[in-house]
Amino acid sequence: MLGYDADLELFRDNFRRFMGEHIAPFYDQWEREGLMPRSVWSLLGENGFLCVDVPEEYGGYGVPTEYSLMLVEESARAGFASLSTAISCHSEIAAPYILHIASEEQKQYWLPKMVAGEVVGAIGMTEPGAGSDLQAMRSSAILQGDHYLLNGSKTFISNGQHADLVVLAVKTDPQARAKGVSLLLVDTHLEGFKKGTNLEKIGLHSQDTSELFFDNVKVPANQILGQAGQGFVYLMQELPRERTSIAATALGAIRGAIDITTKYVKERKAFGQEIGQFQNTRFVLAQAKIDELATAAFYNQNLALYKEGKLDVETAAALKSFSSDMQMKVADNLLQLFGGYGYMSEYPISRFFVDARIQRIYGGTNEIMKEIVARGILGK
């Protein structure tokens, strides 16, 4: 388990104060409206809460990875899952692709803007006909002289409405399968790049999620990420960080759900006593705490492995599956303690419940995670 870090805890307190001032008073309104304003990204950047583990030469703090993941965890714990997902996509998914794979010129151009919140990052993998099966993607980018001609579409893209940069998985060789996949750094302001409407979801209401369309978009050839044809290799290399980030959201949400339920059962009375005094309530809360401790232990183990460069695809998949399943279970069990009030949207536990559901789907469905783990066991 990672040891106590006083600087990390100070950073955590600063972020909690930031959310109390800039997020909490407005979050319910954003959820009703279905979108966080673009200005949130500027505030996050100005206050130093984006891409914090990016090295100083690119504008970041160069702090350990747990500082960055803490922001994902704490925003989820506060009940702001839409913000957690937004930060995760930007800082934990898009930025590491650039930091680990991009050319020096690409790093110098994009990373400082992402740290400052001037550029919002997203990743584009999923297509209407290609979800977990990434090799089946049809979006293509054909090299024509000094540019790639990009055509196709993506769907369910988190940060899609506000995105200025998309790390885009495409086929640069449409006849090949995995070996035909490449990654492009695509500026969303290029001619022919179109954002669809903000998609309505059962949860994460203020997290912008969009379809993206590409109609003969000319992407400069120097914006390929790494080497052509190596996109699938890069995805497998970077997905463990994404899945660890999903686990950070899960852990934060579990802790947040326990926080608000503990408060509720101490205040709510039934049959002349606090409902926290009933054995069933105590056992449900105790089990939630046990589940939290198990999730935290697995998460900390994975984070330590990641920092050592030893986190493999199978272990990250196991963590993603376990933590998101646990998040859903805990939210469901704790909502029950609220009775009918738990089904009312004005009670935050209901948001913890609906926001948990997507965690078992994005980043690779939990069924695919189990298949990855099984392949690690059986060798095929």
Protein backbone atom coordinates (compact mmCIF):
# COMPACT_ATOMS: atom_id res chain seq x y z
CA MET A 1 0.00 0.00 0.00
CA LEU A 2 1.20 3.50 -0.76
CA GLY A 3 2.38 5.40 2.28
CA TYR A 4 1.10 8.68 3.70
CA ASP A 5 2.12 11.73 1.70
CA ALA A 6 1.57 15.09 3.43
CA ASP A 7 1.91 17.02 0.16
CA LEU A 8 -0.69 14.79 -1.48
CA GLU A 9 -3.11 15.39 1.39
CA LEU A 10 -2.57 19.15 1.13
CA PHE A 11 -3.25 18.94 -2.59
CA ARG A 12 -6.39 16.90 -1.84
CA ASP A 13 -7.63 19.56 0.60
CA ASN A 14 -7.00 22.30 -1.99
CA PHE A 15 -9.02 20.39 -4.57
CA ARG A 16 -11.87 19.85 -2.13
CA ARG A 17 -11.97 23.59 -1.46
CA PHE A 18 -11.93 24.25 -5.20
CA MET A 19 -14.90 21.94 -5.73
CA GLY A 20 -16.74 23.52 -2.81
CA GLU A 21 -16.39 26.94 -4.38
CA HIS A 22 -16.54 26.31 -8.13
CA ILE A 23 -18.42 23.01 -8.60
CA ALA A 24 -20.82 22.26 -5.74
CA PRO A 25 -22.99 25.42 -6.05
CA PHE A 26 -23.65 24.78 -9.75
CA TYR A 27 -23.45 21.03 -10.27
CA ASP A 28 -27.16 20.29 -9.88
CA GLN A 29 -27.97 22.93 -12.48
CA TRP A 30 -25.41 21.49 -14.89
CA GLU A 31 -26.90 18.03 -14.42
CA ARG A 32 -30.36 19.40 -15.25
CA GLU A 33 -29.02 21.24 -18.29
CA GLY A 34 -27.07 18.19 -19.45
CA LEU A 35 -23.70 19.90 -19.85
CA MET A 36 -20.93 21.44 -17.79
CA PRO A 37 -19.82 24.81 -19.19
CA ARG A 38 -16.54 25.10 -21.08
CA SER A 39 -15.38 27.58 -18.42
CA VAL A 40 -14.92 24.70 -15.95
CA TRP A 41 -11.89 23.58 -17.96
CA SER A 42 -10.33 27.02 -17.74
CA LEU A 43 -10.87 27.05 -13.97
CA LEU A 44 -9.35 23.59 -13.58
CA GLY A 45 -6.33 24.65 -15.60
CA GLU A 46 -5.88 28.00 -13.86
CA ASN A 47 -5.94 26.29 -10.46
CA GLY A 48 -3.50 23.56 -11.47
CA PHE A 49 -5.78 20.53 -11.51
CA LEU A 50 -5.16 19.18 -15.01
CA CYS A 51 -2.45 16.75 -16.17
CA VAL A 52 -0.54 17.33 -12.94
CA ASP A 53 1.88 14.41 -13.47
CA VAL A 54 3.02 15.82 -16.83
CA PRO A 55 6.71 16.86 -16.54
CA GLU A 56 7.52 20.48 -15.80
CA GLU A 57 9.04 21.05 -19.25
CA TYR A 58 5.53 20.61 -20.68
CA GLY A 59 3.79 22.79 -18.10
CA GLY A 60 2.83 20.21 -15.48
CA TYR A 61 4.05 19.67 -11.93
CA GLY A 62 5.81 16.39 -12.63
CA VAL A 63 4.28 14.88 -9.48
CA PRO A 64 3.64 11.13 -8.97
CA THR A 65 0.68 9.52 -10.72
CA GLU A 66 -1.37 9.23 -7.53
CA TYR A 67 -1.72 13.02 -7.42
CA SER A 68 -3.46 12.96 -10.78
CA LEU A 69 -5.65 9.97 -9.96
CA MET A 70 -6.60 11.56 -6.63
CA LEU A 71 -8.48 14.27 -8.55
CA VAL A 72 -10.52 11.59 -10.30
CA GLU A 73 -11.22 9.82 -7.02
CA GLU A 74 -12.13 12.93 -5.02
CA SER A 75 -14.51 14.36 -7.62
CA ALA A 76 -16.31 11.00 -7.68
CA ARG A 77 -16.42 10.91 -3.89
CA ALA A 78 -18.01 14.36 -3.84
CA GLY A 79 -20.80 13.03 -6.05
CA PHE A 80 -19.52 14.78 -9.18
CA ALA A 81 -19.09 11.71 -11.38
CA SER A 82 -19.48 13.76 -14.57
CA LEU A 83 -16.51 15.87 -13.53
CA SER A 84 -14.56 12.75 -12.54
CA THR A 85 -15.10 11.22 -15.97
CA ALA A 86 -14.21 14.47 -17.73
CA ILE A 87 -10.92 14.85 -15.86
CA SER A 88 -10.16 11.17 -16.35
CA CYS A 89 -10.61 11.33 -20.12
CA HIS A 90 -8.47 14.45 -20.37
CA SER A 91 -5.67 13.82 -17.85
CA GLU A 92 -5.60 10.03 -17.45
CA ILE A 93 -6.34 8.91 -21.01
CA ALA A 94 -5.64 11.51 -23.69
CA ALA A 95 -2.59 13.18 -22.12
CA PRO A 96 -0.64 9.95 -21.37
CA TYR A 97 -0.93 8.87 -25.02
CA ILE A 98 0.80 12.09 -26.00
CA LEU A 99 3.35 12.01 -23.20
CA HIS A 100 4.38 8.40 -23.84
CA ILE A 101 4.13 8.12 -27.63
CA ALA A 102 4.20 11.56 -29.27
CA SER A 103 7.15 13.28 -30.91
CA GLU A 104 8.87 16.07 -29.01
CA GLU A 105 7.27 18.61 -31.31
CA GLN A 106 3.79 17.18 -30.62
CA LYS A 107 4.40 17.18 -26.86
CA GLN A 108 5.57 20.79 -26.88
CA TYR A 109 2.54 21.86 -28.89
CA TRP A 110 -0.28 19.99 -27.15
CA LEU A 111 0.65 19.24 -23.53
CA PRO A 112 1.08 22.81 -22.20
CA LYS A 113 -2.32 23.70 -23.65
CA MET A 114 -3.90 20.66 -22.00
CA VAL A 115 -2.32 21.51 -18.63
CA ALA A 116 -3.69 25.05 -18.90
CA GLY A 117 -7.19 23.95 -19.90
CA GLU A 118 -6.86 25.77 -23.22
CA VAL A 119 -7.26 22.46 -25.03
CA VAL A 120 -9.74 19.80 -23.89
CA GLY A 121 -8.67 16.27 -24.73
CA ALA A 122 -10.70 13.22 -25.68
CA ILE A 123 -10.07 9.81 -27.14
CA GLY A 124 -12.04 8.39 -30.05
CA MET A 125 -12.22 4.61 -30.28
CA THR A 126 -15.84 3.46 -30.23
CA GLU A 127 -17.90 3.41 -33.43
CA PRO A 128 -21.58 2.60 -34.00
CA GLY A 129 -20.56 -0.85 -35.26
CA ALA A 130 -17.37 -1.32 -33.26
CA GLY A 131 -17.48 -1.08 -29.49
CA SER A 132 -15.31 -3.50 -27.57
CA ASP A 133 -14.15 -5.05 -30.88
CA LEU A 134 -11.76 -2.26 -31.85
CA GLN A 135 -10.36 -4.21 -34.79
CA ALA A 136 -13.74 -3.86 -36.52
CA MET A 137 -13.53 -0.06 -36.73
CA ARG A 138 -14.25 1.47 -40.13
CA SER A 139 -13.10 5.07 -39.79
CA SER A 140 -10.19 5.51 -42.20
CA ALA A 141 -7.33 7.93 -42.71
CA ILE A 142 -5.54 7.48 -46.02
CA LEU A 143 -2.15 9.13 -46.50
CA GLN A 144 -2.17 11.56 -49.41
CA GLY A 145 1.09 13.44 -49.63
CA ASP A 146 1.44 15.78 -46.65
CA HIS A 147 -1.86 14.85 -45.01
CA TYR A 148 -4.20 12.02 -44.08
CA LEU A 149 -7.71 12.14 -45.55
CA LEU A 150 -9.98 11.21 -42.65
CA ASN A 151 -13.49 9.82 -43.08
CA GLY A 152 -15.91 8.02 -40.77
CA SER A 153 -17.51 8.53 -37.39
CA LYS A 154 -17.20 7.75 -33.69
CA THR A 155 -19.81 7.56 -30.97
CA PHE A 156 -20.08 7.73 -27.17
CA ILE A 157 -17.07 10.07 -27.05
CA SER A 158 -16.62 11.54 -23.57
CA ASN A 159 -15.65 15.24 -23.63
CA GLY A 160 -16.87 15.20 -27.23
CA GLN A 161 -18.70 18.54 -27.17
CA HIS A 162 -15.87 20.54 -25.61
CA ALA A 163 -12.97 18.61 -27.16
CA ASP A 164 -10.31 20.58 -29.02
CA LEU A 165 -8.11 17.53 -29.54
CA VAL A 166 -9.08 13.91 -30.11
CA VAL A 167 -6.64 11.02 -29.97
CA LEU A 168 -8.33 9.13 -32.77
CA ALA A 169 -8.04 5.44 -33.59
CA VAL A 170 -8.46 4.89 -37.32
CA LYS A 171 -7.61 2.45 -40.08
CA THR A 172 -4.68 3.74 -42.13
CA ASP A 173 -4.75 0.37 -43.91
CA PRO A 174 -8.44 -0.53 -44.29
CA GLN A 175 -7.58 -4.01 -45.61
CA ALA A 176 -5.74 -5.03 -42.46
CA ARG A 177 -7.21 -5.70 -39.03
CA ALA A 178 -5.15 -4.92 -35.95
CA LYS A 179 -2.05 -4.06 -37.99
CA GLY A 180 -4.04 -1.49 -39.95
CA VAL A 181 -4.92 0.63 -36.91
CA SER A 182 -3.09 3.92 -36.30
CA LEU A 183 -3.59 6.84 -33.91
CA LEU A 184 -3.94 10.44 -35.07
CA LEU A 185 -3.93 13.68 -33.10
CA VAL A 186 -6.91 15.44 -34.62
CA ASP A 187 -7.68 19.11 -34.09
CA THR A 188 -11.48 19.32 -33.86
CA HIS A 189 -11.47 22.72 -35.57
CA LEU A 190 -10.31 21.29 -38.90
CA GLU A 191 -12.67 21.65 -41.82
CA GLY A 192 -14.92 18.63 -42.22
CA PHE A 193 -14.81 17.69 -38.53
CA LYS A 194 -18.32 17.82 -37.08
CA LYS A 195 -19.60 17.22 -33.56
CA GLY A 196 -23.02 15.65 -33.21
CA THR A 197 -25.55 16.60 -30.58
CA ASN A 198 -24.83 16.00 -26.91
CA LEU A 199 -26.15 12.50 -26.22
CA GLU A 200 -28.73 12.01 -23.46
CA LYS A 201 -27.78 9.33 -20.94
CA ILE A 202 -29.39 7.74 -17.88
CA GLY A 203 -26.48 8.97 -15.77
CA LEU A 204 -23.47 11.31 -16.01
CA HIS A 205 -25.92 13.92 -17.25
CA SER A 206 -23.54 16.88 -17.35
CA GLN A 207 -20.65 14.92 -18.87
CA ASP A 208 -20.70 15.82 -22.55
CA THR A 209 -20.87 12.70 -24.68
CA SER A 210 -21.05 13.04 -28.44
CA GLU A 211 -20.96 11.49 -31.84
CA LEU A 212 -18.13 12.74 -34.04
CA PHE A 213 -18.21 12.84 -37.84
CA PHE A 214 -15.34 13.15 -40.31
CA ASP A 215 -15.95 14.18 -43.90
CA ASN A 216 -12.72 14.40 -45.90
CA VAL A 217 -10.86 15.98 -42.97
CA LYS A 218 -7.27 16.80 -43.94
CA VAL A 219 -5.11 15.91 -40.94
CA PRO A 220 -1.46 16.96 -41.32
CA ALA A 221 0.76 13.91 -41.74
CA ASN A 222 2.94 15.09 -38.85
CA GLN A 223 0.00 14.56 -36.49
CA ILE A 224 0.22 10.79 -36.59
CA LEU A 225 0.92 9.50 -33.08
CA GLY A 226 3.92 7.22 -33.07
CA GLN A 227 4.22 4.88 -36.04
CA ALA A 228 1.56 3.99 -38.58
CA GLY A 229 0.07 0.56 -38.04
CA GLN A 230 1.04 0.44 -34.37
CA GLY A 231 -2.19 1.91 -33.01
CA PHE A 232 -3.49 -1.32 -31.55
CA VAL A 233 -0.17 -1.89 -29.76
CA TYR A 234 -0.36 1.64 -28.32
CA LEU A 235 -3.94 1.08 -27.17
CA MET A 236 -2.97 -2.08 -25.32
CA GLN A 237 -0.04 -0.19 -23.80
CA GLU A 238 -2.15 2.70 -22.49
CA LEU A 239 -5.41 0.96 -21.55
CA PRO A 240 -4.09 -0.14 -18.11
CA ARG A 241 -3.84 3.55 -17.09
CA GLU A 242 -7.40 4.16 -18.30
CA ARG A 243 -8.72 1.16 -16.39
CA THR A 244 -6.87 2.20 -13.25
CA SER A 245 -8.53 5.60 -13.58
CA ILE A 246 -11.94 3.93 -13.84
CA ALA A 247 -11.09 2.13 -10.61
CA ALA A 248 -10.20 5.47 -9.00
CA THR A 249 -13.66 6.74 -9.90
CA ALA A 250 -15.20 3.56 -8.49
CA LEU A 251 -13.27 3.82 -5.23
CA GLY A 252 -14.17 7.48 -4.81
CA ALA A 253 -17.83 6.78 -5.52
CA ILE A 254 -17.93 3.91 -3.03
CA ARG A 255 -16.49 6.18 -0.36
CA GLY A 256 -18.86 9.01 -1.25
CA ALA A 257 -21.91 6.75 -1.12
CA ILE A 258 -20.83 5.50 2.32
CA ASP A 259 -20.32 9.10 3.48
CA ILE A 260 -23.81 10.30 2.63
CA THR A 261 -25.52 7.09 3.77
CA THR A 262 -23.78 7.20 7.15
CA LYS A 263 -25.02 10.74 7.64
CA TYR A 264 -28.55 9.82 6.57
CA VAL A 265 -28.98 6.78 8.83
CA LYS A 266 -27.84 8.82 11.83
CA GLU A 267 -30.48 11.47 11.15
CA ARG A 268 -33.42 9.41 9.85
CA LYS A 269 -35.69 7.78 12.44
CA ALA A 270 -38.15 4.93 12.21
CA PHE A 271 -40.06 3.13 14.97
CA GLY A 272 -38.72 5.57 17.51
CA GLN A 273 -34.99 5.21 16.82
CA GLU A 274 -32.29 6.10 14.31
CA ILE A 275 -32.35 3.63 11.42
CA GLY A 276 -28.62 3.30 11.97
CA GLN A 277 -29.44 1.31 15.09
CA PHE A 278 -31.21 -1.47 13.18
CA GLN A 279 -29.08 -4.55 12.62
CA ASN A 280 -29.78 -4.70 8.89
CA THR A 281 -28.60 -1.10 8.43
CA ARG A 282 -25.45 -1.76 10.40
CA PHE A 283 -24.67 -4.93 8.46
CA VAL A 284 -25.24 -3.24 5.08
CA LEU A 285 -22.96 -0.36 6.03
CA ALA A 286 -20.37 -2.74 7.44
CA GLN A 287 -20.38 -4.76 4.22
CA ALA A 288 -20.00 -1.56 2.19
CA LYS A 289 -16.96 -0.64 4.27
CA ILE A 290 -15.48 -4.11 3.78
CA ASP A 291 -16.06 -3.75 0.02
CA GLU A 292 -14.39 -0.35 0.08
CA LEU A 293 -11.32 -1.75 1.86
CA ALA A 294 -11.04 -4.60 -0.64
CA THR A 295 -11.36 -2.22 -3.59
CA ALA A 296 -8.79 0.16 -2.10
CA ALA A 297 -6.31 -2.65 -1.51
CA PHE A 298 -6.60 -3.90 -5.10
CA TYR A 299 -6.44 -0.35 -6.45
CA ASN A 300 -3.32 0.54 -4.43
CA GLN A 301 -1.64 -2.65 -5.58
CA ASN A 302 -2.35 -1.78 -9.20
CA LEU A 303 -1.20 1.80 -8.77
CA ALA A 304 2.09 0.64 -7.27
CA LEU A 305 2.57 -1.77 -10.19
CA TYR A 306 1.79 1.00 -12.69
CA LYS A 307 4.36 3.31 -11.12
CA GLU A 308 6.95 0.54 -11.41
CA GLY A 309 6.03 -0.09 -15.05
CA LYS A 310 4.84 -3.59 -14.17
CA LEU A 311 1.04 -3.32 -14.52
CA ASP A 312 -0.02 -5.83 -17.16
CA VAL A 313 -3.20 -5.82 -19.22
CA GLU A 314 -4.74 -8.76 -17.36
CA THR A 315 -4.31 -7.27 -13.89
CA ALA A 316 -5.66 -3.89 -14.98
CA ALA A 317 -8.66 -5.62 -16.57
CA ALA A 318 -9.30 -7.53 -13.34
CA LEU A 319 -9.18 -4.29 -11.34
CA LYS A 320 -11.55 -2.50 -13.71
CA SER A 321 -14.07 -5.35 -13.56
CA PHE A 322 -13.84 -5.84 -9.80
CA SER A 323 -13.99 -2.18 -8.80
CA SER A 324 -16.85 -1.20 -11.10
CA ASP A 325 -18.89 -4.26 -10.09
CA MET A 326 -18.25 -3.34 -6.47
CA GLN A 327 -19.25 0.27 -7.09
CA MET A 328 -22.59 -0.83 -8.55
CA LYS A 329 -23.21 -3.30 -5.73
CA VAL A 330 -22.47 -0.79 -2.97
CA ALA A 331 -24.58 1.96 -4.56
CA ASP A 332 -27.51 -0.43 -4.93
CA ASN A 333 -27.29 -1.76 -1.38
CA LEU A 334 -26.91 1.67 0.20
CA LEU A 335 -29.74 3.19 -1.84
CA GLN A 336 -32.02 0.57 -0.28
CA LEU A 337 -31.40 2.09 3.16
CA PHE A 338 -32.99 5.33 1.97
CA GLY A 339 -36.25 3.58 1.14
CA GLY A 340 -38.45 5.51 -1.29
CA TYR A 341 -36.28 8.61 -0.89
CA GLY A 342 -33.42 6.74 -2.52
CA TYR A 343 -35.41 6.67 -5.75
CA MET A 344 -35.87 10.43 -5.73
CA SER A 345 -33.38 12.41 -7.81
CA GLU A 346 -33.13 15.11 -5.12
CA TYR A 347 -31.29 12.61 -2.91
CA PRO A 348 -27.65 12.28 -4.00
CA ILE A 349 -27.61 8.51 -3.45
CA SER A 350 -29.76 8.18 -6.57
CA ARG A 351 -27.04 9.88 -8.61
CA PHE A 352 -24.40 7.54 -7.20
CA PHE A 353 -26.59 4.66 -8.40
CA VAL A 354 -27.26 5.79 -11.97
CA ASP A 355 -23.73 7.12 -12.48
CA ALA A 356 -22.27 3.76 -11.46
CA ARG A 357 -23.88 1.83 -14.29
CA ILE A 358 -21.68 3.09 -17.12
CA GLN A 359 -18.51 2.11 -15.28
CA ARG A 360 -19.15 -1.54 -16.15
CA ILE A 361 -19.39 -0.64 -19.85
CA TYR A 362 -16.85 1.98 -20.93
CA GLY A 363 -13.13 1.32 -20.95
CA GLY A 364 -14.04 -2.16 -22.19
CA THR A 365 -17.10 -3.97 -20.91
CA ASN A 366 -16.64 -6.14 -17.84
CA GLU A 367 -17.41 -9.18 -19.97
CA ILE A 368 -14.42 -8.29 -22.16
CA MET A 369 -12.35 -7.73 -19.00
CA LYS A 370 -13.12 -11.28 -17.89
CA GLU A 371 -12.18 -12.57 -21.34
CA ILE A 372 -8.82 -10.79 -21.05
CA VAL A 373 -8.23 -12.33 -17.63
CA ALA A 374 -9.23 -15.77 -18.94
CA ARG A 375 -6.76 -15.47 -21.83
CA GLY A 376 -4.05 -14.68 -19.30
CA ILE A 377 -4.91 -17.88 -17.44
CA LEU A 378 -5.42 -20.20 -20.41
CA GLY A 379 -2.97 -18.67 -22.86
CA LYS A 380 -5.55 -18.28 -25.63
